[in-house]
PDB file of N, CA and C in Angstrom:
ATOM      1  N   MET A   1       1.003  -1.194  -0.016  1.00  0.00           N
ATOM      2  CA  MET A   1       0.201  -0.039  -0.057  1.00  0.00           C
ATOM      3  C   MET A   1       1.225   0.879  -0.002  1.00  0.00           C
ATOM      4  N   GLN A   2       0.425   1.944  -0.621  1.00  0.00           N
ATOM      5  CA  GLN A   2       1.298   3.463  -0.897  1.00  0.00           C
ATOM      6  C   GLN A   2       0.711   4.953  -0.177  1.00  0.00           C
ATOM      7  N   PRO A   3       1.853   5.071   0.306  1.00  0.00           N
ATOM      8  CA  PRO A   3       1.156   6.882   0.972  1.00  0.00           C
ATOM      9  C   PRO A   3       0.540   7.587   0.504  1.00  0.00           C
ATOM     10  N   VAL A   4      -0.560   8.051   0.620  1.00  0.00           N
ATOM     11  CA  VAL A   4      -1.101   9.166  -0.017  1.00  0.00           C
ATOM     12  C   VAL A   4      -0.697  10.671   0.332  1.00  0.00           C
ATOM     13  N   PRO A   5      -0.660  11.526  -0.576  1.00  0.00           N
ATOM     14  CA  PRO A   5      -0.046  12.966  -0.429  1.00  0.00           C
ATOM     15  C   PRO A   5      -0.894  13.651   0.499  1.00  0.00           C
ATOM     16  N   PRO A   6      -1.090  14.986   0.928  1.00  0.00           N
ATOM     17  CA  PRO A   6      -1.933  15.179   1.897  1.00  0.00           C
ATOM     18  C   PRO A   6      -2.866  16.263   0.912  1.00  0.00           C
ATOM     19  N   GLU A   7      -3.896  16.427   1.390  1.00  0.00           N
ATOM     20  CA  GLU A   7      -5.115  17.255   0.794  1.00  0.00           C
ATOM     21  C   GLU A   7      -4.511  18.590  -0.122  1.00  0.00           C
ATOM     22  N   ALA A   8      -4.811  18.797  -0.761  1.00  0.00           N
ATOM     23  CA  ALA A   8      -4.979  20.527  -1.160  1.00  0.00           C
ATOM     24  C   ALA A   8      -5.337  21.231  -0.269  1.00  0.00           C
ATOM     25  N   GLY A   9      -4.693  22.471  -0.215  1.00  0.00           N
ATOM     26  CA  GLY A   9      -5.038  23.490   1.254  1.00  0.00           C
ATOM     27  C   GLY A   9      -4.326  24.715   1.092  1.00  0.00           C
ATOM     28  N   THR A  10      -4.624  25.875   1.479  1.00  0.00           N
ATOM     29  CA  THR A  10      -4.115  26.986   1.393  1.00  0.00           C
ATOM     30  C   THR A  10      -3.576  27.393   2.622  1.00  0.00           C
ATOM     31  N   PHE A  11      -2.316  27.656   2.466  1.00  0.00           N
ATOM     32  CA  PHE A  11      -1.106  27.299   4.112  1.00  0.00           C
ATOM     33  C   PHE A  11      -0.988  29.182   3.968  1.00  0.00           C
ATOM     34  N   CYS A  12      -0.869  29.415   5.138  1.00  0.00           N
ATOM     35  CA  CYS A  12      -0.427  31.361   5.204  1.00  0.00           C
ATOM     36  C   CYS A  12       0.495  31.302   6.466  1.00  0.00           C
ATOM     37  N   ASP A  13       1.308  32.331   6.141  1.00  0.00           N
ATOM     38  CA  ASP A  13       2.049  32.726   7.216  1.00  0.00           C
ATOM     39  C   ASP A  13       1.130  33.782   8.746  1.00  0.00           C
ATOM     40  N   PRO A  14       1.639  33.016   9.505  1.00  0.00           N
ATOM     41  CA  PRO A  14       0.781  33.549  10.913  1.00  0.00           C
ATOM     42  C   PRO A  14       1.140  34.759  11.186  1.00  0.00           C
ATOM     43  N   VAL A  15       2.765  35.063  11.156  1.00  0.00           N
ATOM     44  CA  VAL A  15       3.114  36.221  11.686  1.00  0.00           C
ATOM     45  C   VAL A  15       3.346  37.475  10.715  1.00  0.00           C
ATOM     46  N   SER A  16       3.049  37.126   9.735  1.00  0.00           N
ATOM     47  CA  SER A  16       3.447  38.356   8.354  1.00  0.00           C
ATOM     48  C   SER A  16       1.872  39.305   8.735  1.00  0.00           C
ATOM     49  N   LYS A  17       2.190  40.473   8.758  1.00  0.00           N
ATOM     50  CA  LYS A  17       1.426  41.793   8.595  1.00  0.00           C
ATOM     51  C   LYS A  17       0.581  41.393   7.234  1.00  0.00           C
ATOM     52  N   THR A  18       1.334  41.150   6.290  1.00  0.00           N
ATOM     53  CA  THR A  18       0.756  41.356   5.018  1.00  0.00           C
ATOM     54  C   THR A  18      -0.301  39.786   5.049  1.00  0.00           C
ATOM     55  N   ASN A  19      -0.891  39.642   3.818  1.00  0.00           N
ATOM     56  CA  ASN A  19      -1.352  38.227   3.941  1.00  0.00           C
ATOM     57  C   ASN A  19      -0.352  37.259   2.731  1.00  0.00           C
ATOM     58  N   VAL A  20      -0.074  36.461   3.644  1.00  0.00           N
ATOM     59  CA  VAL A  20       1.492  35.937   2.666  1.00  0.00           C
ATOM     60  C   VAL A  20       0.509  34.522   2.489  1.00  0.00           C
ATOM     61  N   CYS A  21       0.106  34.006   1.588  1.00  0.00           N
ATOM     62  CA  CYS A  21      -0.508  32.410   1.103  1.00  0.00           C
ATOM     63  C   CYS A  21       0.239  31.676   0.243  1.00  0.00           C
ATOM     64  N   VAL A  22      -0.105  30.478   0.688  1.00  0.00           N
ATOM     65  CA  VAL A  22       0.485  29.782  -0.449  1.00  0.00           C
ATOM     66  C   VAL A  22      -0.882  28.633  -0.798  1.00  0.00           C
ATOM     67  N   GLN A  23      -1.075  28.137  -2.006  1.00  0.00           N
ATOM     68  CA  GLN A  23      -1.920  27.190  -2.243  1.00  0.00           C
ATOM     69  C   GLN A  23      -1.120  26.048  -2.846  1.00  0.00           C
ATOM     70  N   PHE A  24      -1.427  25.127  -2.075  1.00  0.00           N
ATOM     71  CA  PHE A  24      -0.535  23.692  -2.431  1.00  0.00           C
ATOM     72  C   PHE A  24      -1.825  22.722  -3.098  1.00  0.00           C
ATOM     73  N   ASP A  25      -1.174  22.065  -3.764  1.00  0.00           N
ATOM     74  CA  ASP A  25      -2.206  20.741  -4.537  1.00  0.00           C
ATOM     75  C   ASP A  25      -1.381  19.896  -4.705  1.00  0.00           C
ATOM     76  N   PHE A  26      -0.954  19.200  -3.332  1.00  0.00           N
ATOM     77  CA  PHE A  26      -0.255  17.776  -3.441  1.00  0.00           C
ATOM     78  C   PHE A  26      -0.405  17.056  -4.729  1.00  0.00           C
ATOM     79  N   ARG A  27      -1.603  16.384  -4.811  1.00  0.00           N
ATOM     80  CA  ARG A  27      -2.004  15.565  -5.588  1.00  0.00           C
ATOM     81  C   ARG A  27      -1.699  15.690  -6.810  1.00  0.00           C
ATOM     82  N   ASN A  28      -2.208  16.771  -7.216  1.00  0.00           N
ATOM     83  CA  ASN A  28      -1.952  16.981  -9.072  1.00  0.00           C
ATOM     84  C   ASN A  28      -0.591  17.794  -9.134  1.00  0.00           C
ATOM     85  N   GLY A  29       0.536  18.022  -8.363  1.00  0.00           N
ATOM     86  CA  GLY A  29       1.519  18.747  -8.307  1.00  0.00           C
ATOM     87  C   GLY A  29       1.710  19.802  -8.965  1.00  0.00           C
ATOM     88  N   THR A  30       0.809  20.766  -7.755  1.00  0.00           N
ATOM     89  CA  THR A  30       1.061  22.232  -8.290  1.00  0.00           C
ATOM     90  C   THR A  30       0.599  22.875  -7.333  1.00  0.00           C
ATOM     91  N   VAL A  31       1.737  24.437  -7.381  1.00  0.00           N
ATOM     92  CA  VAL A  31       1.728  25.318  -6.012  1.00  0.00           C
ATOM     93  C   VAL A  31       1.313  26.619  -6.812  1.00  0.00           C
ATOM     94  N   LEU A  32       0.727  27.844  -6.159  1.00  0.00           N
ATOM     95  CA  LEU A  32       0.624  28.474  -6.347  1.00  0.00           C
ATOM     96  C   LEU A  32       1.004  29.761  -5.584  1.00  0.00           C
ATOM     97  N   TYR A  33       2.477  30.128  -5.764  1.00  0.00           N
ATOM     98  CA  TYR A  33       3.140  30.702  -5.093  1.00  0.00           C
ATOM     99  C   TYR A  33       3.276  32.605  -5.601  1.00  0.00           C
ATOM    100  N   GLU A  34       2.988  33.582  -4.721  1.00  0.00           N
ATOM    101  CA  GLU A  34       3.068  34.986  -5.274  1.00  0.00           C
ATOM    102  C   GLU A  34       2.527  34.902  -6.247  1.00  0.00           C
ATOM    103  N   GLY A  35       1.011  34.315  -6.850  1.00  0.00           N
ATOM    104  CA  GLY A  35       0.038  34.842  -7.634  1.00  0.00           C
ATOM    105  C   GLY A  35       0.553  33.765  -9.325  1.00  0.00           C
ATOM    106  N   LYS A  36       1.865  33.139  -9.001  1.00  0.00           N
ATOM    107  CA  LYS A  36       2.151  32.460 -10.058  1.00  0.00           C
ATOM    108  C   LYS A  36       2.012  30.768  -9.962  1.00  0.00           C
ATOM    109  N   GLN A  37       1.536  30.107 -10.966  1.00  0.00           N
ATOM    110  CA  GLN A  37       1.526  28.750 -10.849  1.00  0.00           C
ATOM    111  C   GLN A  37       3.038  27.772 -11.090  1.00  0.00           C
ATOM    112  N   PHE A  38       3.380  27.060 -10.223  1.00  0.00           N
ATOM    113  CA  PHE A  38       4.530  26.142 -10.253  1.00  0.00           C
ATOM    114  C   PHE A  38       4.335  24.578 -10.410  1.00  0.00           C
ATOM    115  N   ALA A  39       5.296  23.983 -10.900  1.00  0.00           N
ATOM    116  CA  ALA A  39       5.242  22.385 -11.074  1.00  0.00           C
ATOM    117  C   ALA A  39       5.873  21.931  -9.521  1.00  0.00           C
ATOM    118  N   LEU A  40       5.084  21.526  -8.710  1.00  0.00           N
ATOM    119  CA  LEU A  40       5.602  20.950  -7.571  1.00  0.00           C
ATOM    120  C   LEU A  40       5.604  19.229  -7.647  1.00  0.00           C
ATOM    121  N   LYS A  41       7.276  19.408  -7.162  1.00  0.00           N
ATOM    122  CA  LYS A  41       8.074  18.001  -7.387  1.00  0.00           C
ATOM    123  C   LYS A  41       8.034  17.286  -5.898  1.00  0.00           C
ATOM    124  N   SER A  42       7.966  16.146  -6.290  1.00  0.00           N
ATOM    125  CA  SER A  42       7.872  15.401  -4.882  1.00  0.00           C
ATOM    126  C   SER A  42       9.415  14.665  -4.899  1.00  0.00           C
ATOM    127  N   SER A  43       9.799  14.740  -3.519  1.00  0.00           N
ATOM    128  CA  SER A  43      11.140  13.867  -3.473  1.00  0.00           C
ATOM    129  C   SER A  43      10.734  13.039  -2.168  1.00  0.00           C
ATOM    130  N   SER A  44       9.367  13.002  -1.665  1.00  0.00           N
ATOM    131  CA  SER A  44       8.993  11.881  -0.732  1.00  0.00           C
ATOM    132  C   SER A  44       7.545  12.573  -0.491  1.00  0.00           C
ATOM    133  N   ILE A  45       6.753  11.567   0.468  1.00  0.00           N
ATOM    134  CA  ILE A  45       5.425  12.064   0.843  1.00  0.00           C
ATOM    135  C   ILE A  45       5.542  13.421   1.423  1.00  0.00           C
ATOM    136  N   LEU A  46       6.491  13.606   2.098  1.00  0.00           N
ATOM    137  CA  LEU A  46       6.600  14.959   3.287  1.00  0.00           C
ATOM    138  C   LEU A  46       7.612  15.935   2.602  1.00  0.00           C
ATOM    139  N   ASN A  47       8.354  15.698   1.460  1.00  0.00           N
ATOM    140  CA  ASN A  47       9.005  16.479   1.028  1.00  0.00           C
ATOM    141  C   ASN A  47       8.861  16.813  -0.372  1.00  0.00           C
ATOM    142  N   TYR A  48       8.639  18.131  -0.485  1.00  0.00           N
ATOM    143  CA  TYR A  48       8.437  18.592  -2.037  1.00  0.00           C
ATOM    144  C   TYR A  48       9.265  20.091  -2.170  1.00  0.00           C
ATOM    145  N   SER A  49       9.500  20.431  -3.870  1.00  0.00           N
ATOM    146  CA  SER A  49      10.169  21.410  -3.951  1.00  0.00           C
ATOM    147  C   SER A  49       9.256  22.032  -5.081  1.00  0.00           C
ATOM    148  N   PHE A  50      10.121  23.324  -5.701  1.00  0.00           N
ATOM    149  CA  PHE A  50       9.750  24.001  -6.864  1.00  0.00           C
ATOM    150  C   PHE A  50      10.549  25.353  -6.759  1.00  0.00           C
ATOM    151  N   SER A  51      10.842  25.384  -8.257  1.00  0.00           N
ATOM    152  CA  SER A  51      11.950  26.264  -8.220  1.00  0.00           C
ATOM    153  C   SER A  51      11.376  27.892  -9.217  1.00  0.00           C
ATOM    154  N   ILE A  52      11.731  28.870  -8.719  1.00  0.00           N
ATOM    155  CA  ILE A  52      11.501  30.088  -9.365  1.00  0.00           C
ATOM    156  C   ILE A  52      12.560  30.616  -9.669  1.00  0.00           C
ATOM    157  N   GLY A  53      12.927  30.383 -11.199  1.00  0.00           N
ATOM    158  CA  GLY A  53      14.109  30.521 -11.669  1.00  0.00           C
ATOM    159  C   GLY A  53      15.199  30.167 -10.985  1.00  0.00           C
ATOM    160  N   GLU A  54      16.222  31.002 -10.548  1.00  0.00           N
ATOM    161  CA  GLU A  54      17.490  30.347  -9.882  1.00  0.00           C
ATOM    162  C   GLU A  54      17.414  29.725  -8.572  1.00  0.00           C
ATOM    163  N   LYS A  55      16.221  30.106  -7.705  1.00  0.00           N
ATOM    164  CA  LYS A  55      15.859  29.699  -6.422  1.00  0.00           C
ATOM    165  C   LYS A  55      15.032  28.616  -6.535  1.00  0.00           C
ATOM    166  N   THR A  56      15.650  27.733  -5.763  1.00  0.00           N
ATOM    167  CA  THR A  56      14.500  26.590  -5.671  1.00  0.00           C
ATOM    168  C   THR A  56      14.203  26.505  -3.877  1.00  0.00           C
ATOM    169  N   ILE A  57      12.868  26.579  -3.812  1.00  0.00           N
ATOM    170  CA  ILE A  57      12.075  26.125  -2.829  1.00  0.00           C
ATOM    171  C   ILE A  57      12.052  24.609  -2.152  1.00  0.00           C
ATOM    172  N   GLU A  58      12.135  24.210  -0.903  1.00  0.00           N
ATOM    173  CA  GLU A  58      11.735  23.012  -0.540  1.00  0.00           C
ATOM    174  C   GLU A  58      10.805  23.253   0.376  1.00  0.00           C
ATOM    175  N   VAL A  59       9.650  22.312   0.294  1.00  0.00           N
ATOM    176  CA  VAL A  59       8.462  22.142   1.160  1.00  0.00           C
ATOM    177  C   VAL A  59       8.854  20.954   1.939  1.00  0.00           C
ATOM    178  N   GLU A  60       8.516  21.094   3.045  1.00  0.00           N
ATOM    179  CA  GLU A  60       8.650  20.212   4.457  1.00  0.00           C
ATOM    180  C   GLU A  60       7.190  20.314   5.091  1.00  0.00           C
ATOM    181  N   MET A  61       6.231  19.260   4.733  1.00  0.00           N
ATOM    182  CA  MET A  61       5.310  18.956   5.532  1.00  0.00           C
ATOM    183  C   MET A  61       5.522  18.206   6.845  1.00  0.00           C
ATOM    184  N   ARG A  62       5.331  19.175   7.914  1.00  0.00           N
ATOM    185  CA  ARG A  62       5.466  18.852   9.539  1.00  0.00           C
ATOM    186  C   ARG A  62       4.184  17.744  10.077  1.00  0.00           C
ATOM    187  N   ASN A  63       3.327  18.111   9.491  1.00  0.00           N
ATOM    188  CA  ASN A  63       1.843  17.164   9.506  1.00  0.00           C
ATOM    189  C   ASN A  63       0.530  18.306   8.691  1.00  0.00           C
ATOM    190  N   GLU A  64      -0.223  17.509   8.569  1.00  0.00           N
ATOM    191  CA  GLU A  64      -1.229  18.144   7.725  1.00  0.00           C
ATOM    192  C   GLU A  64      -1.886  19.563   7.896  1.00  0.00           C
ATOM    193  N   ASN A  65      -1.269  20.251   8.993  1.00  0.00           N
ATOM    194  CA  ASN A  65      -1.394  21.627   8.865  1.00  0.00           C
ATOM    195  C   ASN A  65      -0.472  22.778   9.354  1.00  0.00           C
ATOM    196  N   ARG A  66       0.787  21.826   8.888  1.00  0.00           N
ATOM    197  CA  ARG A  66       2.031  22.580   9.115  1.00  0.00           C
ATOM    198  C   ARG A  66       2.900  22.237   7.819  1.00  0.00           C
ATOM    199  N   ALA A  67       3.804  23.452   7.472  1.00  0.00           N
ATOM    200  CA  ALA A  67       4.349  23.536   6.191  1.00  0.00           C
ATOM    201  C   ALA A  67       5.475  24.299   6.436  1.00  0.00           C
ATOM    202  N   ILE A  68       6.609  23.858   6.195  1.00  0.00           N
ATOM    203  CA  ILE A  68       7.674  24.986   6.180  1.00  0.00           C
ATOM    204  C   ILE A  68       8.716  24.996   4.703  1.00  0.00           C
ATOM    205  N   LEU A  69       8.703  26.437   4.545  1.00  0.00           N
ATOM    206  CA  LEU A  69       9.645  26.217   3.226  1.00  0.00           C
ATOM    207  C   LEU A  69      10.678  26.740   3.341  1.00  0.00           C
ATOM    208  N   ILE A  70      11.692  26.441   2.883  1.00  0.00           N
ATOM    209  CA  ILE A  70      13.217  26.570   2.888  1.00  0.00           C
ATOM    210  C   ILE A  70      13.675  26.743   1.242  1.00  0.00           C
ATOM    211  N   GLY A  71      13.883  28.195   1.255  1.00  0.00           N
ATOM    212  CA  GLY A  71      14.900  28.600   0.129  1.00  0.00           C
ATOM    213  C   GLY A  71      16.154  28.086   0.009  1.00  0.00           C
ATOM    214  N   THR A  72      16.305  28.485  -0.780  1.00  0.00           N
ATOM    215  CA  THR A  72      18.346  28.099  -1.439  1.00  0.00           C
ATOM    216  C   THR A  72      18.992  29.469  -0.944  1.00  0.00           C
ATOM    217  N   ASP A  73      18.188  30.653  -0.676  1.00  0.00           N
ATOM    218  CA  ASP A  73      19.165  32.027  -0.146  1.00  0.00           C
ATOM    219  C   ASP A  73      18.941  31.656   1.215  1.00  0.00           C
ATOM    220  N   GLY A  74      18.509  30.829   2.320  1.00  0.00           N
ATOM    221  CA  GLY A  74      18.655  30.599   3.476  1.00  0.00           C
ATOM    222  C   GLY A  74      17.352  31.096   4.305  1.00  0.00           C
ATOM    223  N   SER A  75      16.621  31.625   3.379  1.00  0.00           N
ATOM    224  CA  SER A  75      15.281  32.146   4.091  1.00  0.00           C
ATOM    225  C   SER A  75      14.143  31.004   4.394  1.00  0.00           C
ATOM    226  N   GLN A  76      13.507  30.898   5.353  1.00  0.00           N
ATOM    227  CA  GLN A  76      12.578  30.088   6.021  1.00  0.00           C
ATOM    228  C   GLN A  76      11.360  30.600   6.708  1.00  0.00           C
ATOM    229  N   LYS A  77      10.309  29.981   6.063  1.00  0.00           N
ATOM    230  CA  LYS A  77       8.959  30.386   6.738  1.00  0.00           C
ATOM    231  C   LYS A  77       8.350  29.044   7.216  1.00  0.00           C
ATOM    232  N   LEU A  78       7.188  29.364   8.115  1.00  0.00           N
ATOM    233  CA  LEU A  78       6.429  28.539   8.846  1.00  0.00           C
ATOM    234  C   LEU A  78       4.953  28.773   8.282  1.00  0.00           C
ATOM    235  N   LEU A  79       4.160  27.785   7.758  1.00  0.00           N
ATOM    236  CA  LEU A  79       3.008  28.207   7.108  1.00  0.00           C
ATOM    237  C   LEU A  79       2.005  27.556   7.487  1.00  0.00           C
ATOM    238  N   LEU A  80       0.933  27.898   7.842  1.00  0.00           N
ATOM    239  CA  LEU A  80      -0.430  27.251   8.658  1.00  0.00           C
ATOM    240  C   LEU A  80      -1.444  26.918   8.075  1.00  0.00           C
ATOM    241  N   ARG A  81      -1.748  25.699   8.017  1.00  0.00           N
ATOM    242  CA  ARG A  81      -2.999  25.667   6.897  1.00  0.00           C
ATOM    243  C   ARG A  81      -4.134  26.668   6.994  1.00  0.00           C
ATOM    244  N   LEU A  82      -4.989  27.004   6.382  1.00  0.00           N
ATOM    245  CA  LEU A  82      -6.204  27.781   6.482  1.00  0.00           C
ATOM    246  C   LEU A  82      -7.479  26.814   6.353  1.00  0.00           C
ATOM    247  N   LYS A  83      -8.292  27.015   7.617  1.00  0.00           N
ATOM    248  CA  LYS A  83      -9.333  26.138   7.398  1.00  0.00           C
ATOM    249  C   LYS A  83     -10.856  26.748   7.009  1.00  0.00           C
ATOM    250  N   ASP A  84     -11.943  26.237   6.458  1.00  0.00           N
ATOM    251  CA  ASP A  84     -12.776  26.855   6.361  1.00  0.00           C
ATOM    252  C   ASP A  84     -13.625  27.370   7.558  1.00  0.00           C
ATOM    253  N   LYS A  85     -14.199  28.590   7.781  1.00  0.00           N
ATOM    254  CA  LYS A  85     -14.890  29.235   8.587  1.00  0.00           C
ATOM    255  C   LYS A  85     -16.104  28.349   9.559  1.00  0.00           C
ATOM    256  N   GLN A  86     -16.669  27.358   8.466  1.00  0.00           N
ATOM    257  CA  GLN A  86     -17.754  26.764   9.253  1.00  0.00           C
ATOM    258  C   GLN A  86     -17.137  25.415  10.039  1.00  0.00           C
ATOM    259  N   VAL A  87     -15.874  25.147   9.468  1.00  0.00           N
ATOM    260  CA  VAL A  87     -15.389  23.847  10.210  1.00  0.00           C
ATOM    261  C   VAL A  87     -14.619  24.553  11.547  1.00  0.00           C
ATOM    262  N   ARG A  88     -14.108  26.063  11.653  1.00  0.00           N
ATOM    263  CA  ARG A  88     -13.755  26.380  12.968  1.00  0.00           C
ATOM    264  C   ARG A  88     -14.750  26.682  13.784  1.00  0.00           C
ATOM    265  N   LYS A  89     -15.811  26.853  13.400  1.00  0.00           N
ATOM    266  CA  LYS A  89     -16.858  27.414  14.177  1.00  0.00           C
ATOM    267  C   LYS A  89     -17.702  26.617  14.837  1.00  0.00           C
ATOM    268  N   LYS A  90     -17.462  25.080  14.135  1.00  0.00           N
ATOM    269  CA  LYS A  90     -17.590  24.072  14.736  1.00  0.00           C
ATOM    270  C   LYS A  90     -17.048  23.222  16.016  1.00  0.00           C
ATOM    271  N   GLN A  91     -15.679  23.312  15.567  1.00  0.00           N
ATOM    272  CA  GLN A  91     -14.894  23.352  16.641  1.00  0.00           C
ATOM    273  C   GLN A  91     -14.947  23.700  17.695  1.00  0.00           C
ATOM    274  N   TRP A  92     -15.059  25.653  17.727  1.00  0.00           N
ATOM    275  CA  TRP A  92     -15.002  26.007  19.005  1.00  0.00           C
ATOM    276  C   TRP A  92     -16.420  25.609  19.908  1.00  0.00           C
ATOM    277  N   ALA A  93     -17.450  25.332  18.774  1.00  0.00           N
ATOM    278  CA  ALA A  93     -18.663  25.275  19.308  1.00  0.00           C
ATOM    279  C   ALA A  93     -18.664  23.978  20.408  1.00  0.00           C
ATOM    280  N   ARG A  94     -18.299  22.689  19.607  1.00  0.00           N
ATOM    281  CA  ARG A  94     -17.555  21.797  20.406  1.00  0.00           C
ATOM    282  C   ARG A  94     -17.185  21.846  21.495  1.00  0.00           C
ATOM    283  N   LEU A  95     -15.894  22.503  21.477  1.00  0.00           N
ATOM    284  CA  LEU A  95     -15.234  22.950  22.668  1.00  0.00           C
ATOM    285  C   LEU A  95     -16.113  23.827  24.053  1.00  0.00           C
ATOM    286  N   TRP A  96     -16.816  24.423  23.593  1.00  0.00           N
ATOM    287  CA  TRP A  96     -17.322  25.348  24.526  1.00  0.00           C
ATOM    288  C   TRP A  96     -18.491  24.364  25.349  1.00  0.00           C
ATOM    289  N   TRP A  97     -18.930  23.394  24.525  1.00  0.00           N
ATOM    290  CA  TRP A  97     -20.283  22.434  24.472  1.00  0.00           C
ATOM    291  C   TRP A  97     -19.347  21.494  25.921  1.00  0.00           C
ATOM    292  N   LYS A  98     -18.169  21.108  25.521  1.00  0.00           N
ATOM    293  CA  LYS A  98     -17.294  19.958  26.325  1.00  0.00           C
ATOM    294  C   LYS A  98     -17.225  21.256  27.899  1.00  0.00           C
ATOM    295  N   ILE A  99     -16.798  22.346  27.789  1.00  0.00           N
ATOM    296  CA  ILE A  99     -16.157  23.100  28.684  1.00  0.00           C
ATOM    297  C   ILE A  99     -17.816  23.271  29.642  1.00  0.00           C
ATOM    298  N   LYS A 100     -18.824  23.468  29.116  1.00  0.00           N
ATOM    299  CA  LYS A 100     -19.839  23.522  29.922  1.00  0.00           C
ATOM    300  C   LYS A 100     -20.619  22.381  30.870  1.00  0.00           C
ATOM    301  N   GLU A 101     -20.252  21.007  30.052  1.00  0.00           N
ATOM    302  CA  GLU A 101     -20.515  20.140  30.145  1.00  0.00           C
ATOM    303  C   GLU A 101     -19.499  19.771  31.884  1.00  0.00           C
ATOM    304  N   THR A 102     -18.189  19.979  31.478  1.00  0.00           N
ATOM    305  CA  THR A 102     -17.406  19.422  32.380  1.00  0.00           C
ATOM    306  C   THR A 102     -17.831  20.476  33.770  1.00  0.00           C
ATOM    307  N   LEU A 103     -18.081  21.708  33.615  1.00  0.00           N
ATOM    308  CA  LEU A 103     -18.377  22.552  34.637  1.00  0.00           C
ATOM    309  C   LEU A 103     -20.086  22.225  35.206  1.00  0.00           C
ATOM    310  N   GLY A 104     -20.772  21.356  34.495  1.00  0.00           N
ATOM    311  CA  GLY A 104     -22.027  20.751  34.935  1.00  0.00           C
ATOM    312  C   GLY A 104     -23.129  22.057  34.527  1.00  0.00           C
ATOM    313  N   LEU A 105     -22.485  22.728  33.652  1.00  0.00           N
ATOM    314  CA  LEU A 105     -23.424  23.674  33.430  1.00  0.00           C
ATOM    315  C   LEU A 105     -24.517  23.290  31.857  1.00  0.00           C
ATOM    316  N   ALA A 106     -24.317  22.236  31.569  1.00  0.00           N
ATOM    317  CA  ALA A 106     -24.872  21.572  30.748  1.00  0.00           C
ATOM    318  C   ALA A 106     -25.392  20.158  30.867  1.00  0.00           C
ATOM    319  N   PRO A 107     -26.144  20.135  31.993  1.00  0.00           N
ATOM    320  CA  PRO A 107     -26.717  18.669  32.275  1.00  0.00           C
ATOM    321  C   PRO A 107     -27.952  18.180  31.878  1.00  0.00           C
ATOM    322  N   GLY A 108     -27.597  16.598  31.401  1.00  0.00           N
ATOM    323  CA  GLY A 108     -28.507  16.087  30.666  1.00  0.00           C
ATOM    324  C   GLY A 108     -29.152  16.887  29.211  1.00  0.00           C
ATOM    325  N   GLU A 109     -28.013  17.265  28.757  1.00  0.00           N
ATOM    326  CA  GLU A 109     -28.450  17.566  27.115  1.00  0.00           C
ATOM    327  C   GLU A 109     -27.287  16.783  26.330  1.00  0.00           C
ATOM    328  N   GLN A 110     -27.598  16.538  25.442  1.00  0.00           N
ATOM    329  CA  GLN A 110     -26.929  15.732  24.300  1.00  0.00           C
ATOM    330  C   GLN A 110     -26.012  16.699  23.583  1.00  0.00           C
ATOM    331  N   ASP A 111     -24.638  16.852  23.418  1.00  0.00           N
ATOM    332  CA  ASP A 111     -23.924  17.176  22.225  1.00  0.00           C
ATOM    333  C   ASP A 111     -24.591  17.526  21.071  1.00  0.00           C
ATOM    334  N   PRO A 112     -25.022  18.732  20.737  1.00  0.00           N
ATOM    335  CA  PRO A 112     -25.886  18.712  19.175  1.00  0.00           C
ATOM    336  C   PRO A 112     -25.032  18.317  18.508  1.00  0.00           C
ATOM    337  N   HIS A 113     -23.113  18.794  18.512  1.00  0.00           N
ATOM    338  CA  HIS A 113     -22.810  18.625  17.442  1.00  0.00           C
ATOM    339  C   HIS A 113     -22.727  17.168  16.431  1.00  0.00           C
ATOM    340  N   THR A 114     -22.772  16.184  17.588  1.00  0.00           N
ATOM    341  CA  THR A 114     -22.655  14.818  17.528  1.00  0.00           C
ATOM    342  C   THR A 114     -23.613  14.073  17.686  1.00  0.00           C
ATOM    343  N   SER A 115     -24.665  14.447  17.983  1.00  0.00           N
ATOM    344  CA  SER A 115     -26.209  13.791  17.973  1.00  0.00           C
ATOM    345  C   SER A 115     -26.854  13.951  16.626  1.00  0.00           C
ATOM    346  N   ASN A 116     -26.430  14.496  15.727  1.00  0.00           N
ATOM    347  CA  ASN A 116     -26.573  14.618  14.044  1.00  0.00           C
ATOM    348  C   ASN A 116     -25.497  14.193  13.153  1.00  0.00           C
ATOM    349  N   PRO A 117     -25.586  13.077  12.751  1.00  0.00           N
ATOM    350  CA  PRO A 117     -24.290  12.232  11.778  1.00  0.00           C
ATOM    351  C   PRO A 117     -24.201  13.354  10.528  1.00  0.00           C
ATOM    352  N   GLU A 118     -25.048  14.063   9.984  1.00  0.00           N
ATOM    353  CA  GLU A 118     -24.812  14.550   9.202  1.00  0.00           C
ATOM    354  C   GLU A 118     -23.970  16.208   9.289  1.00  0.00           C
ATOM    355  N   SER A 119     -24.237  16.466  10.393  1.00  0.00           N
ATOM    356  CA  SER A 119     -23.605  17.523  11.102  1.00  0.00           C
ATOM    357  C   SER A 119     -21.893  17.626  10.977  1.00  0.00           C
ATOM    358  N   ASN A 120     -21.337  16.305  10.964  1.00  0.00           N
ATOM    359  CA  ASN A 120     -19.780  16.001  10.928  1.00  0.00           C
ATOM    360  C   ASN A 120     -19.107  16.057  10.113  1.00  0.00           C
TER     361      ASN A 120
END
């Protein structure tokens, strides 16, 4: 059985004041970097690279939500995956429900986020 590349997604620099984002499509081998599309080469399931002129940028996937870009010029950036707003809302709602349940503020109630299988 062969490993499966990560899902496509948008990864952004969390500390940048400007919106610096990179869109990766690992399964189709493309990357949208600074508004231009480049071919993404895979050296392993977790390591990729692409070239911009003379500069080569290596992409190291730390996990499904973190990527590190390492340039041949010594630059390094940590990127975090952007999640859909609805997914984030659902995660926060689950967290608050668990907190209320633990504190005894929601006794006898069923978790509204797990009771309906279509909402997951």
